[in-house]
Amino acid sequence: MSHRKVLVTLMVSLTCAAVSGRLMAKAAQTGGAQCEEAIAQEVKGANKAKKVVFARDARRAIPHGPLTHYAGKGSYVMPGGDRTEFEWFCDINGASGKPANLYYSVSKADAPAAGTRATKDDAVADKAAASECQDAVTSEIRKKNPQISNLAFHSPKEFQAGKEGKLLEGDGSFKDNREEERQFDYRCIYDKLDGKITAKSVQMK
C-alpha cells in the first residue's frame, strides 16, 4: 500500500471517529435533557415546586448495556420561596429512547427536622428495602454466574426517591467458578407501598 493510500485511510478513520464522537455526545446531551424534563415533572408533581433548575455541569452519563444511566443535581423553589437541592437519576432505553426509572433524592433541607426520630415503620421499611435489593441483585448476578461464592455487599447508600420510593446503591464482590474475585456496582428502586423492587441494575467493573 502506498503512503498516499495509508494517509487517505488514516484521514477517513479519524473523520469517522470524530463524527461518531459528535453523534455520541449529541445523543448523551439529548438523553440528559429528556431525563431532566421528566425529573422536573416528577419534582413539581410531588412537591408542588414553583421552579426547578438543573446544574448542567453536574450531569453525567454512564452506558450500561441497552440502557444509559444519567445522573445530576438540581434545585427547586417552593411557592413560599424556600429552595431545596436534590440529586437525580434516570435511565434512557436505547431501543425506545424514552426516560425510565426516574428517581431523585432531596437534600438535608427536606430531611426531618433535628430532634425528630424515625418511626418503627421507617426502620422496618429500610431493612426490607435493603434485603429485597440484595436478593434482586444476587438473582441478577447468578443468571450469568451460576456458581459463585463469598458474595458481599459493600458501602450501601440509601436515598429518598419521590414520596414512596427509596433508591439503594453501592458496590460488592464475589468469587466466580474459577475462584477469581469479581466486583460490581448496583442500584435498586424500592416501592414502599408495594413492598418490592421496581427497578434494578448491576454493572460489572
N, C-alpha and C. Protein backbone atom coordinates (compact mmCIF):
# COMPACT_ATOMS: atom_id res chain seq x y z
N MET A 1 0.85 -1.19 0.00
CA MET A 1 0.00 0.00 0.00
C MET A 1 0.89 1.24 0.00
N SER A 2 0.54 2.22 -0.88
CA SER A 2 1.35 3.42 -0.99
C SER A 2 1.13 4.32 0.22
N HIS A 3 2.08 5.25 0.40
CA HIS A 3 1.96 6.20 1.51
C HIS A 3 0.69 7.05 1.36
N ARG A 4 0.32 7.34 0.11
CA ARG A 4 -0.87 8.16 -0.12
C ARG A 4 -2.13 7.43 0.33
N LYS A 5 -2.20 6.12 0.01
CA LYS A 5 -3.37 5.34 0.42
C LYS A 5 -3.44 5.23 1.94
N VAL A 6 -2.27 5.06 2.56
CA VAL A 6 -2.24 4.97 4.02
C VAL A 6 -2.74 6.26 4.65
N LEU A 7 -2.29 7.40 4.06
CA LEU A 7 -2.70 8.71 4.57
C LEU A 7 -4.20 8.90 4.41
N VAL A 8 -4.75 8.51 3.24
CA VAL A 8 -6.18 8.65 2.99
C VAL A 8 -6.98 7.79 3.97
N THR A 9 -6.52 6.55 4.17
CA THR A 9 -7.20 5.63 5.10
C THR A 9 -7.20 6.18 6.52
N LEU A 10 -6.06 6.75 6.93
CA LEU A 10 -5.94 7.33 8.26
C LEU A 10 -6.88 8.52 8.42
N MET A 11 -6.95 9.36 7.37
CA MET A 11 -7.82 10.54 7.43
C MET A 11 -9.29 10.13 7.52
N VAL A 12 -9.66 9.10 6.76
CA VAL A 12 -11.04 8.61 6.80
C VAL A 12 -11.38 8.06 8.18
N SER A 13 -10.45 7.31 8.77
CA SER A 13 -10.66 6.73 10.10
C SER A 13 -10.84 7.82 11.15
N LEU A 14 -9.97 8.85 11.07
CA LEU A 14 -10.07 9.95 12.03
C LEU A 14 -11.37 10.72 11.87
N THR A 15 -11.80 10.89 10.61
CA THR A 15 -13.06 11.60 10.35
C THR A 15 -14.24 10.82 10.90
N CYS A 16 -14.23 9.49 10.68
CA CYS A 16 -15.32 8.64 11.18
C CYS A 16 -15.36 8.67 12.71
N ALA A 17 -14.18 8.65 13.32
CA ALA A 17 -14.11 8.67 14.78
C ALA A 17 -14.65 9.99 15.32
N ALA A 18 -14.31 11.08 14.63
CA ALA A 18 -14.78 12.41 15.07
C ALA A 18 -16.29 12.52 14.94
N VAL A 19 -16.83 12.01 13.81
CA VAL A 19 -18.28 12.05 13.60
C VAL A 19 -18.99 11.20 14.63
N SER A 20 -18.43 10.00 14.88
CA SER A 20 -19.02 9.10 15.88
C SER A 20 -19.01 9.74 17.26
N GLY A 21 -17.91 10.41 17.58
CA GLY A 21 -17.82 11.09 18.88
C GLY A 21 -18.85 12.19 19.02
N ARG A 22 -19.04 12.96 17.93
CA ARG A 22 -20.03 14.05 17.97
C ARG A 22 -21.44 13.50 18.11
N LEU A 23 -21.73 12.39 17.41
CA LEU A 23 -23.05 11.79 17.49
C LEU A 23 -23.33 11.26 18.90
N MET A 24 -22.31 10.63 19.51
CA MET A 24 -22.47 10.11 20.87
C MET A 24 -22.68 11.24 21.86
N ALA A 25 -21.92 12.33 21.67
CA ALA A 25 -22.07 13.48 22.56
C ALA A 25 -23.45 14.10 22.43
N LYS A 26 -23.95 14.18 21.18
CA LYS A 26 -25.27 14.75 20.94
C LYS A 26 -26.35 13.87 21.56
N ALA A 27 -26.18 12.53 21.40
CA ALA A 27 -27.15 11.59 21.98
C ALA A 27 -27.18 11.70 23.49
N ALA A 28 -25.97 11.83 24.09
CA ALA A 28 -25.89 11.96 25.56
C ALA A 28 -26.56 13.24 26.02
N GLN A 29 -26.35 14.33 25.26
CA GLN A 29 -26.94 15.61 25.62
C GLN A 29 -28.46 15.54 25.51
N THR A 30 -28.95 14.89 24.44
CA THR A 30 -30.39 14.77 24.24
C THR A 30 -31.01 13.91 25.34
N GLY A 31 -30.37 12.77 25.66
CA GLY A 31 -30.87 11.90 26.71
C GLY A 31 -30.90 12.58 28.05
N GLY A 32 -29.85 13.34 28.35
CA GLY A 32 -29.80 14.07 29.61
C GLY A 32 -30.91 15.10 29.71
N ALA A 33 -31.17 15.80 28.60
CA ALA A 33 -32.23 16.81 28.59
C ALA A 33 -33.59 16.16 28.78
N GLN A 34 -33.80 15.00 28.16
CA GLN A 34 -35.07 14.28 28.31
C GLN A 34 -35.27 13.87 29.77
N CYS A 35 -34.20 13.38 30.39
CA CYS A 35 -34.28 12.97 31.79
C CYS A 35 -34.60 14.15 32.69
N GLU A 36 -33.93 15.28 32.45
CA GLU A 36 -34.17 16.46 33.28
C GLU A 36 -35.61 16.94 33.15
N GLU A 37 -36.15 16.89 31.95
CA GLU A 37 -37.54 17.31 31.75
C GLU A 37 -38.49 16.39 32.51
N ALA A 38 -38.22 15.08 32.44
CA ALA A 38 -39.08 14.12 33.15
C ALA A 38 -38.94 14.26 34.66
N ILE A 39 -37.71 14.46 35.13
CA ILE A 39 -37.49 14.64 36.57
C ILE A 39 -38.18 15.90 37.07
N ALA A 40 -38.13 16.96 36.28
CA ALA A 40 -38.76 18.22 36.67
C ALA A 40 -40.26 18.02 36.89
N GLN A 41 -40.89 17.23 36.01
CA GLN A 41 -42.31 16.94 36.17
C GLN A 41 -42.57 16.16 37.45
N GLU A 42 -41.68 15.21 37.75
CA GLU A 42 -41.82 14.42 38.98
C GLU A 42 -41.71 15.32 40.21
N VAL A 43 -40.71 16.18 40.21
CA VAL A 43 -40.48 17.07 41.35
C VAL A 43 -41.66 18.02 41.55
N LYS A 44 -42.14 18.60 40.47
CA LYS A 44 -43.26 19.54 40.57
C LYS A 44 -44.52 18.83 41.06
N GLY A 45 -44.73 17.60 40.58
CA GLY A 45 -45.92 16.87 40.98
C GLY A 45 -45.87 16.44 42.43
N ALA A 46 -44.70 16.04 42.92
CA ALA A 46 -44.57 15.54 44.29
C ALA A 46 -44.46 16.65 45.32
N ASN A 47 -43.89 17.78 44.93
CA ASN A 47 -43.61 18.84 45.91
C ASN A 47 -44.31 20.17 45.63
N LYS A 48 -45.10 20.22 44.54
CA LYS A 48 -45.75 21.46 44.14
C LYS A 48 -44.73 22.59 43.97
N ALA A 49 -43.57 22.21 43.45
CA ALA A 49 -42.50 23.18 43.28
C ALA A 49 -42.87 24.23 42.24
N LYS A 50 -42.47 25.46 42.52
CA LYS A 50 -42.76 26.56 41.61
C LYS A 50 -41.77 26.60 40.46
N LYS A 51 -40.52 26.26 40.75
CA LYS A 51 -39.47 26.32 39.74
C LYS A 51 -38.44 25.24 39.99
N VAL A 52 -37.97 24.57 38.93
CA VAL A 52 -36.95 23.53 39.03
C VAL A 52 -35.78 23.91 38.13
N VAL A 53 -34.57 23.93 38.71
CA VAL A 53 -33.36 24.31 37.97
C VAL A 53 -32.34 23.19 38.08
N PHE A 54 -31.64 22.90 36.98
CA PHE A 54 -30.64 21.85 36.96
C PHE A 54 -29.24 22.41 36.78
N ALA A 55 -28.28 21.78 37.44
CA ALA A 55 -26.87 22.17 37.30
C ALA A 55 -26.29 21.40 36.11
N ARG A 56 -26.14 22.06 34.98
CA ARG A 56 -25.72 21.40 33.75
C ARG A 56 -24.32 20.77 33.86
N ASP A 57 -23.44 21.41 34.63
CA ASP A 57 -22.08 20.89 34.72
C ASP A 57 -22.00 19.66 35.62
N ALA A 58 -23.12 19.31 36.30
CA ALA A 58 -23.11 18.15 37.18
C ALA A 58 -23.70 16.91 36.49
N ARG A 59 -24.25 17.08 35.30
CA ARG A 59 -24.86 15.96 34.60
C ARG A 59 -23.81 14.98 34.10
N ARG A 60 -24.07 13.70 34.26
CA ARG A 60 -23.14 12.67 33.77
C ARG A 60 -23.93 11.50 33.18
N ALA A 61 -23.30 10.80 32.22
CA ALA A 61 -23.92 9.66 31.55
C ALA A 61 -23.03 8.44 31.70
N ILE A 62 -23.65 7.28 32.01
CA ILE A 62 -22.92 6.03 32.20
C ILE A 62 -23.58 4.94 31.36
N PRO A 63 -22.97 4.49 30.26
CA PRO A 63 -23.55 3.41 29.46
C PRO A 63 -23.62 2.12 30.26
N HIS A 64 -24.75 1.41 30.14
CA HIS A 64 -24.91 0.15 30.86
C HIS A 64 -25.79 -0.77 30.03
N GLY A 65 -25.15 -1.56 29.14
CA GLY A 65 -25.91 -2.45 28.27
C GLY A 65 -26.84 -1.66 27.38
N PRO A 66 -28.12 -2.07 27.30
CA PRO A 66 -29.09 -1.35 26.46
C PRO A 66 -29.54 -0.03 27.04
N LEU A 67 -29.15 0.23 28.30
CA LEU A 67 -29.55 1.47 28.96
C LEU A 67 -28.38 2.43 29.08
N THR A 68 -28.69 3.69 29.24
CA THR A 68 -27.70 4.70 29.62
C THR A 68 -28.20 5.35 30.89
N HIS A 69 -27.40 5.26 31.96
CA HIS A 69 -27.76 5.88 33.23
C HIS A 69 -27.35 7.35 33.19
N TYR A 70 -28.26 8.21 33.57
CA TYR A 70 -27.95 9.63 33.69
C TYR A 70 -28.13 10.05 35.15
N ALA A 71 -27.32 10.97 35.59
CA ALA A 71 -27.42 11.47 36.96
C ALA A 71 -26.98 12.92 36.97
N GLY A 72 -27.45 13.66 37.96
CA GLY A 72 -27.08 15.05 38.05
C GLY A 72 -27.61 15.69 39.32
N LYS A 73 -27.59 17.01 39.37
CA LYS A 73 -28.04 17.75 40.54
C LYS A 73 -28.95 18.89 40.10
N GLY A 74 -29.76 19.33 41.03
CA GLY A 74 -30.65 20.44 40.73
C GLY A 74 -31.21 21.03 42.00
N SER A 75 -32.15 21.93 41.84
CA SER A 75 -32.81 22.54 43.00
C SER A 75 -34.22 22.95 42.58
N TYR A 76 -35.09 23.05 43.58
CA TYR A 76 -36.43 23.54 43.28
C TYR A 76 -36.85 24.58 44.31
N VAL A 77 -37.73 25.45 43.89
CA VAL A 77 -38.21 26.54 44.75
C VAL A 77 -39.69 26.33 45.03
N MET A 78 -40.05 26.35 46.30
CA MET A 78 -41.43 26.17 46.71
C MET A 78 -42.18 27.50 46.58
N PRO A 79 -43.52 27.45 46.56
CA PRO A 79 -44.29 28.70 46.44
C PRO A 79 -43.92 29.74 47.50
N GLY A 80 -43.51 29.29 48.68
CA GLY A 80 -43.15 30.23 49.73
C GLY A 80 -41.76 30.81 49.58
N GLY A 81 -40.98 30.31 48.58
CA GLY A 81 -39.65 30.84 48.34
C GLY A 81 -38.52 29.97 48.85
N ASP A 82 -38.83 28.92 49.63
CA ASP A 82 -37.79 28.03 50.14
C ASP A 82 -37.16 27.25 48.99
N ARG A 83 -35.83 27.12 49.03
CA ARG A 83 -35.10 26.42 47.98
C ARG A 83 -34.48 25.14 48.52
N THR A 84 -34.65 24.05 47.78
CA THR A 84 -34.13 22.75 48.20
C THR A 84 -33.31 22.13 47.07
N GLU A 85 -32.15 21.62 47.42
CA GLU A 85 -31.30 20.97 46.42
C GLU A 85 -31.59 19.46 46.40
N PHE A 86 -31.33 18.84 45.26
CA PHE A 86 -31.55 17.40 45.15
C PHE A 86 -30.60 16.80 44.11
N GLU A 87 -30.44 15.49 44.19
CA GLU A 87 -29.72 14.73 43.17
C GLU A 87 -30.74 13.87 42.43
N TRP A 88 -30.53 13.66 41.14
CA TRP A 88 -31.49 12.89 40.38
C TRP A 88 -30.80 11.78 39.58
N PHE A 89 -31.57 10.77 39.24
CA PHE A 89 -31.09 9.63 38.46
C PHE A 89 -32.18 9.24 37.46
N CYS A 90 -31.76 8.76 36.30
CA CYS A 90 -32.72 8.41 35.25
C CYS A 90 -32.04 7.49 34.24
N ASP A 91 -32.80 6.61 33.63
CA ASP A 91 -32.28 5.73 32.59
C ASP A 91 -32.93 6.06 31.25
N ILE A 92 -32.16 5.93 30.18
CA ILE A 92 -32.69 6.05 28.83
C ILE A 92 -32.52 4.70 28.14
N ASN A 93 -33.62 4.13 27.67
CA ASN A 93 -33.57 2.86 26.97
C ASN A 93 -33.17 3.11 25.52
N GLY A 94 -32.11 2.42 25.07
CA GLY A 94 -31.61 2.63 23.72
C GLY A 94 -32.63 2.28 22.65
N ALA A 95 -33.51 1.32 22.95
CA ALA A 95 -34.50 0.88 21.96
C ALA A 95 -35.62 1.91 21.80
N SER A 96 -36.17 2.37 22.91
CA SER A 96 -37.29 3.31 22.86
C SER A 96 -36.84 4.76 22.88
N GLY A 97 -35.67 5.01 23.49
CA GLY A 97 -35.18 6.38 23.61
C GLY A 97 -35.96 7.20 24.61
N LYS A 98 -36.73 6.53 25.48
CA LYS A 98 -37.56 7.24 26.44
C LYS A 98 -37.00 7.12 27.86
N PRO A 99 -37.22 8.14 28.70
CA PRO A 99 -36.76 8.09 30.09
C PRO A 99 -37.49 7.01 30.88
N ALA A 100 -36.77 6.36 31.79
CA ALA A 100 -37.38 5.33 32.64
C ALA A 100 -36.65 5.33 33.98
N ASN A 101 -37.25 4.66 34.95
CA ASN A 101 -36.63 4.54 36.29
C ASN A 101 -36.25 5.90 36.86
N LEU A 102 -37.19 6.81 36.86
CA LEU A 102 -36.93 8.17 37.36
C LEU A 102 -36.92 8.18 38.88
N TYR A 103 -35.93 8.82 39.46
CA TYR A 103 -35.90 8.98 40.91
C TYR A 103 -34.97 10.12 41.29
N TYR A 104 -35.26 10.73 42.41
CA TYR A 104 -34.43 11.82 42.91
C TYR A 104 -34.36 11.75 44.43
N SER A 105 -33.29 12.29 44.98
CA SER A 105 -33.11 12.30 46.43
C SER A 105 -32.92 13.73 46.88
N VAL A 106 -33.77 14.16 47.80
CA VAL A 106 -33.71 15.54 48.25
C VAL A 106 -32.55 15.74 49.21
N SER A 107 -32.18 16.99 49.39
CA SER A 107 -31.06 17.31 50.27
C SER A 107 -31.53 17.34 51.72
N LYS A 108 -30.62 17.70 52.63
CA LYS A 108 -30.95 17.75 54.05
C LYS A 108 -31.99 18.82 54.36
N ALA A 109 -32.15 19.74 53.44
CA ALA A 109 -33.14 20.79 53.68
C ALA A 109 -34.55 20.21 53.77
N ASP A 110 -34.75 19.07 53.10
CA ASP A 110 -36.07 18.44 53.12
C ASP A 110 -36.11 17.24 54.04
N ALA A 111 -35.01 16.98 54.76
CA ALA A 111 -34.99 15.86 55.70
C ALA A 111 -35.75 16.24 56.95
N PRO A 112 -36.11 15.26 57.79
CA PRO A 112 -36.82 15.58 59.03
C PRO A 112 -36.02 16.56 59.87
N ALA A 113 -36.68 17.43 60.56
CA ALA A 113 -36.01 18.44 61.37
C ALA A 113 -35.21 17.80 62.49
N ALA A 114 -34.20 18.51 62.97
CA ALA A 114 -33.37 17.98 64.05
C ALA A 114 -34.23 17.70 65.26
N GLY A 115 -33.97 16.57 65.90
CA GLY A 115 -34.73 16.22 67.09
C GLY A 115 -35.85 15.24 66.81
N THR A 116 -36.25 15.09 65.52
CA THR A 116 -37.27 14.12 65.20
C THR A 116 -36.65 12.74 65.12
N ARG A 117 -37.45 11.72 65.31
CA ARG A 117 -36.94 10.36 65.32
C ARG A 117 -37.67 9.53 64.27
N ALA A 118 -36.95 8.63 63.65
CA ALA A 118 -37.57 7.74 62.67
C ALA A 118 -38.52 6.80 63.39
N THR A 119 -39.64 6.48 62.76
CA THR A 119 -40.60 5.59 63.36
C THR A 119 -40.16 4.14 63.17
N LYS A 120 -40.85 3.25 63.91
CA LYS A 120 -40.55 1.83 63.79
C LYS A 120 -40.86 1.34 62.38
N ASP A 121 -41.93 1.89 61.78
CA ASP A 121 -42.29 1.51 60.42
C ASP A 121 -41.19 1.90 59.43
N ASP A 122 -40.58 3.06 59.64
CA ASP A 122 -39.48 3.50 58.77
C ASP A 122 -38.32 2.52 58.85
N ALA A 123 -37.97 2.10 60.05
CA ALA A 123 -36.85 1.17 60.23
C ALA A 123 -37.14 -0.16 59.55
N VAL A 124 -38.39 -0.64 59.69
CA VAL A 124 -38.78 -1.90 59.05
C VAL A 124 -38.70 -1.77 57.54
N ALA A 125 -39.18 -0.63 57.01
CA ALA A 125 -39.15 -0.40 55.56
C ALA A 125 -37.72 -0.35 55.04
N ASP A 126 -36.82 0.31 55.80
CA ASP A 126 -35.41 0.39 55.39
C ASP A 126 -34.78 -0.99 55.34
N LYS A 127 -35.05 -1.80 56.33
CA LYS A 127 -34.49 -3.15 56.39
C LYS A 127 -35.03 -4.01 55.26
N ALA A 128 -36.33 -3.86 54.98
CA ALA A 128 -36.95 -4.63 53.91
C ALA A 128 -36.39 -4.22 52.55
N ALA A 129 -36.17 -2.91 52.36
CA ALA A 129 -35.65 -2.41 51.10
C ALA A 129 -34.26 -2.97 50.84
N ALA A 130 -33.40 -2.95 51.86
CA ALA A 130 -32.04 -3.45 51.71
C ALA A 130 -32.05 -4.94 51.39
N SER A 131 -32.90 -5.70 52.08
CA SER A 131 -32.98 -7.13 51.86
C SER A 131 -33.50 -7.46 50.46
N GLU A 132 -34.56 -6.77 50.04
CA GLU A 132 -35.13 -7.01 48.71
C GLU A 132 -34.13 -6.65 47.62
N CYS A 133 -33.40 -5.56 47.81
CA CYS A 133 -32.42 -5.13 46.81
C CYS A 133 -31.30 -6.15 46.68
N GLN A 134 -30.77 -6.61 47.80
CA GLN A 134 -29.68 -7.59 47.76
C GLN A 134 -30.14 -8.91 47.14
N ASP A 135 -31.38 -9.31 47.42
CA ASP A 135 -31.92 -10.53 46.82
C ASP A 135 -32.04 -10.38 45.30
N ALA A 136 -32.52 -9.20 44.86
CA ALA A 136 -32.70 -8.95 43.43
C ALA A 136 -31.35 -8.90 42.71
N VAL A 137 -30.37 -8.26 43.33
CA VAL A 137 -29.03 -8.17 42.74
C VAL A 137 -28.37 -9.55 42.69
N THR A 138 -28.52 -10.32 43.75
CA THR A 138 -27.94 -11.67 43.80
C THR A 138 -28.53 -12.52 42.68
N SER A 139 -29.84 -12.44 42.49
CA SER A 139 -30.50 -13.20 41.43
C SER A 139 -29.99 -12.79 40.06
N GLU A 140 -29.79 -11.48 39.88
CA GLU A 140 -29.31 -10.96 38.60
C GLU A 140 -27.89 -11.47 38.32
N ILE A 141 -27.05 -11.47 39.33
CA ILE A 141 -25.67 -11.93 39.17
C ILE A 141 -25.62 -13.42 38.84
N ARG A 142 -26.48 -14.20 39.52
CA ARG A 142 -26.46 -15.65 39.32
C ARG A 142 -26.96 -16.07 37.93
N LYS A 143 -27.65 -15.18 37.24
CA LYS A 143 -28.10 -15.50 35.89
C LYS A 143 -26.91 -15.74 34.96
N LYS A 144 -25.85 -14.95 35.15
CA LYS A 144 -24.66 -15.07 34.31
C LYS A 144 -23.52 -15.80 35.01
N ASN A 145 -23.63 -15.90 36.33
CA ASN A 145 -22.58 -16.57 37.11
C ASN A 145 -23.24 -17.53 38.10
N PRO A 146 -23.72 -18.69 37.62
CA PRO A 146 -24.47 -19.62 38.49
C PRO A 146 -23.70 -20.08 39.72
N GLN A 147 -22.40 -20.28 39.55
CA GLN A 147 -21.60 -20.80 40.65
C GLN A 147 -20.71 -19.69 41.21
N ILE A 148 -21.18 -19.08 42.28
CA ILE A 148 -20.41 -18.01 42.92
C ILE A 148 -20.28 -18.29 44.41
N SER A 149 -19.33 -17.64 45.02
CA SER A 149 -19.13 -17.78 46.46
C SER A 149 -18.64 -16.46 47.03
N ASN A 150 -18.70 -16.34 48.34
CA ASN A 150 -18.21 -15.14 49.03
C ASN A 150 -18.86 -13.85 48.50
N LEU A 151 -20.15 -13.92 48.20
CA LEU A 151 -20.85 -12.72 47.74
C LEU A 151 -21.00 -11.74 48.90
N ALA A 152 -20.59 -10.50 48.68
CA ALA A 152 -20.66 -9.50 49.75
C ALA A 152 -21.05 -8.15 49.16
N PHE A 153 -21.83 -7.39 49.95
CA PHE A 153 -22.25 -6.05 49.55
C PHE A 153 -21.50 -5.04 50.42
N HIS A 154 -20.93 -4.02 49.77
CA HIS A 154 -20.11 -3.04 50.48
C HIS A 154 -20.70 -1.64 50.33
N SER A 155 -20.49 -0.81 51.32
CA SER A 155 -20.81 0.62 51.29
C SER A 155 -22.19 0.93 50.72
N PRO A 156 -23.25 0.29 51.23
CA PRO A 156 -24.59 0.60 50.71
C PRO A 156 -25.02 2.01 51.09
N LYS A 157 -25.74 2.66 50.19
CA LYS A 157 -26.26 4.00 50.44
C LYS A 157 -27.75 4.00 50.12
N GLU A 158 -28.51 4.79 50.87
CA GLU A 158 -29.95 4.89 50.65
C GLU A 158 -30.34 6.35 50.48
N PHE A 159 -31.26 6.59 49.53
CA PHE A 159 -31.77 7.94 49.29
C PHE A 159 -33.28 7.86 49.13
N GLN A 160 -33.94 8.95 49.48
CA GLN A 160 -35.37 9.04 49.22
C GLN A 160 -35.57 9.24 47.73
N ALA A 161 -36.52 8.51 47.15
CA ALA A 161 -36.81 8.63 45.72
C ALA A 161 -38.30 8.94 45.57
N GLY A 162 -38.63 10.21 45.50
CA GLY A 162 -40.03 10.59 45.47
C GLY A 162 -40.64 10.42 46.85
N LYS A 163 -41.97 10.36 46.92
CA LYS A 163 -42.64 10.27 48.21
C LYS A 163 -42.63 8.86 48.78
N GLU A 164 -42.79 7.85 47.93
CA GLU A 164 -42.92 6.48 48.42
C GLU A 164 -41.85 5.55 47.89
N GLY A 165 -40.75 6.09 47.42
CA GLY A 165 -39.69 5.25 46.86
C GLY A 165 -38.39 5.41 47.61
N LYS A 166 -37.52 4.47 47.42
CA LYS A 166 -36.19 4.52 48.04
C LYS A 166 -35.18 4.01 47.02
N LEU A 167 -34.10 4.77 46.86
CA LEU A 167 -33.00 4.39 45.99
C LEU A 167 -31.90 3.78 46.83
N LEU A 168 -31.44 2.62 46.44
CA LEU A 168 -30.33 1.96 47.13
C LEU A 168 -29.23 1.72 46.11
N GLU A 169 -28.00 2.06 46.46
CA GLU A 169 -26.89 1.83 45.57
C GLU A 169 -25.63 1.54 46.38
N GLY A 170 -24.69 0.89 45.72
CA GLY A 170 -23.44 0.53 46.38
C GLY A 170 -22.60 -0.35 45.48
N ASP A 171 -21.66 -1.06 46.07
CA ASP A 171 -20.85 -1.98 45.29
C ASP A 171 -20.71 -3.29 46.06
N GLY A 172 -20.14 -4.27 45.41
CA GLY A 172 -19.98 -5.58 46.05
C GLY A 172 -18.95 -6.41 45.33
N SER A 173 -18.79 -7.62 45.78
CA SER A 173 -17.81 -8.52 45.18
C SER A 173 -18.23 -9.97 45.39
N PHE A 174 -17.67 -10.86 44.59
CA PHE A 174 -17.90 -12.29 44.74
C PHE A 174 -16.77 -13.04 44.03
N LYS A 175 -16.69 -14.33 44.28
CA LYS A 175 -15.72 -15.17 43.59
C LYS A 175 -16.47 -16.05 42.60
N ASP A 176 -15.96 -16.09 41.36
CA ASP A 176 -16.63 -16.90 40.34
C ASP A 176 -16.18 -18.35 40.43
N ASN A 177 -16.58 -19.16 39.43
CA ASN A 177 -16.27 -20.60 39.48
C ASN A 177 -14.78 -20.90 39.31
N ARG A 178 -14.00 -19.88 38.95
CA ARG A 178 -12.54 -20.05 38.86
C ARG A 178 -11.83 -19.46 40.07
N GLU A 179 -12.64 -19.12 41.08
CA GLU A 179 -12.12 -18.55 42.33
C GLU A 179 -11.46 -17.19 42.11
N GLU A 180 -11.87 -16.50 41.03
CA GLU A 180 -11.37 -15.16 40.77
C GLU A 180 -12.38 -14.14 41.32
N GLU A 181 -11.86 -13.10 41.96
CA GLU A 181 -12.74 -12.10 42.54
C GLU A 181 -13.28 -11.17 41.47
N ARG A 182 -14.59 -10.95 41.50
CA ARG A 182 -15.25 -10.03 40.57
C ARG A 182 -15.90 -8.93 41.40
N GLN A 183 -15.90 -7.73 40.87
CA GLN A 183 -16.50 -6.59 41.57
C GLN A 183 -17.63 -6.00 40.73
N PHE A 184 -18.59 -5.40 41.40
CA PHE A 184 -19.74 -4.86 40.69
C PHE A 184 -20.33 -3.65 41.42
N ASP A 185 -21.06 -2.83 40.67
CA ASP A 185 -21.86 -1.74 41.22
C ASP A 185 -23.33 -2.11 41.05
N TYR A 186 -24.18 -1.67 41.95
CA TYR A 186 -25.59 -1.99 41.82
C TYR A 186 -26.46 -0.80 42.25
N ARG A 187 -27.69 -0.80 41.73
CA ARG A 187 -28.68 0.20 42.09
C ARG A 187 -30.05 -0.43 42.07
N CYS A 188 -30.90 -0.07 43.02
CA CYS A 188 -32.27 -0.58 43.09
C CYS A 188 -33.22 0.57 43.43
N ILE A 189 -34.46 0.42 42.98
CA ILE A 189 -35.54 1.30 43.42
C ILE A 189 -36.56 0.44 44.15
N TYR A 190 -36.88 0.83 45.37
CA TYR A 190 -37.82 0.07 46.20
C TYR A 190 -39.08 0.90 46.42
N ASP A 191 -40.23 0.29 46.11
CA ASP A 191 -41.51 0.95 46.31
C ASP A 191 -42.04 0.56 47.68
N LYS A 192 -42.14 1.53 48.58
CA LYS A 192 -42.55 1.22 49.96
C LYS A 192 -44.02 0.82 50.03
N LEU A 193 -44.85 1.30 49.12
CA LEU A 193 -46.27 0.94 49.14
C LEU A 193 -46.48 -0.51 48.71
N ASP A 194 -45.80 -0.91 47.63
CA ASP A 194 -45.94 -2.28 47.14
C ASP A 194 -45.01 -3.25 47.86
N GLY A 195 -43.97 -2.69 48.53
CA GLY A 195 -43.03 -3.55 49.24
C GLY A 195 -42.18 -4.41 48.32
N LYS A 196 -41.80 -3.85 47.16
CA LYS A 196 -40.99 -4.63 46.23
C LYS A 196 -40.07 -3.74 45.40
N ILE A 197 -39.10 -4.37 44.78
CA ILE A 197 -38.16 -3.67 43.90
C ILE A 197 -38.83 -3.43 42.56
N THR A 198 -38.82 -2.19 42.10
CA THR A 198 -39.44 -1.86 40.81
C THR A 198 -38.42 -1.66 39.70
N ALA A 199 -37.14 -1.49 40.05
CA ALA A 199 -36.09 -1.33 39.04
C ALA A 199 -34.75 -1.70 39.67
N LYS A 200 -33.88 -2.27 38.87
CA LYS A 200 -32.56 -2.67 39.37
C LYS A 200 -31.57 -2.68 38.22
N SER A 201 -30.30 -2.50 38.55
CA SER A 201 -29.24 -2.60 37.55
C SER A 201 -27.97 -3.08 38.24
N VAL A 202 -27.22 -3.91 37.54
CA VAL A 202 -25.95 -4.43 38.05
C VAL A 202 -24.90 -4.23 36.96
N GLN A 203 -23.80 -3.61 37.31
CA GLN A 203 -22.74 -3.35 36.34
C GLN A 203 -21.42 -3.91 36.87
N MET A 204 -20.84 -4.86 36.12
CA MET A 204 -19.56 -5.43 36.49
C MET A 204 -18.45 -4.43 36.21
N LYS A 205 -17.48 -4.39 37.11
CA LYS A 205 -16.34 -3.48 36.94
C LYS A 205 -15.26 -4.13 36.09
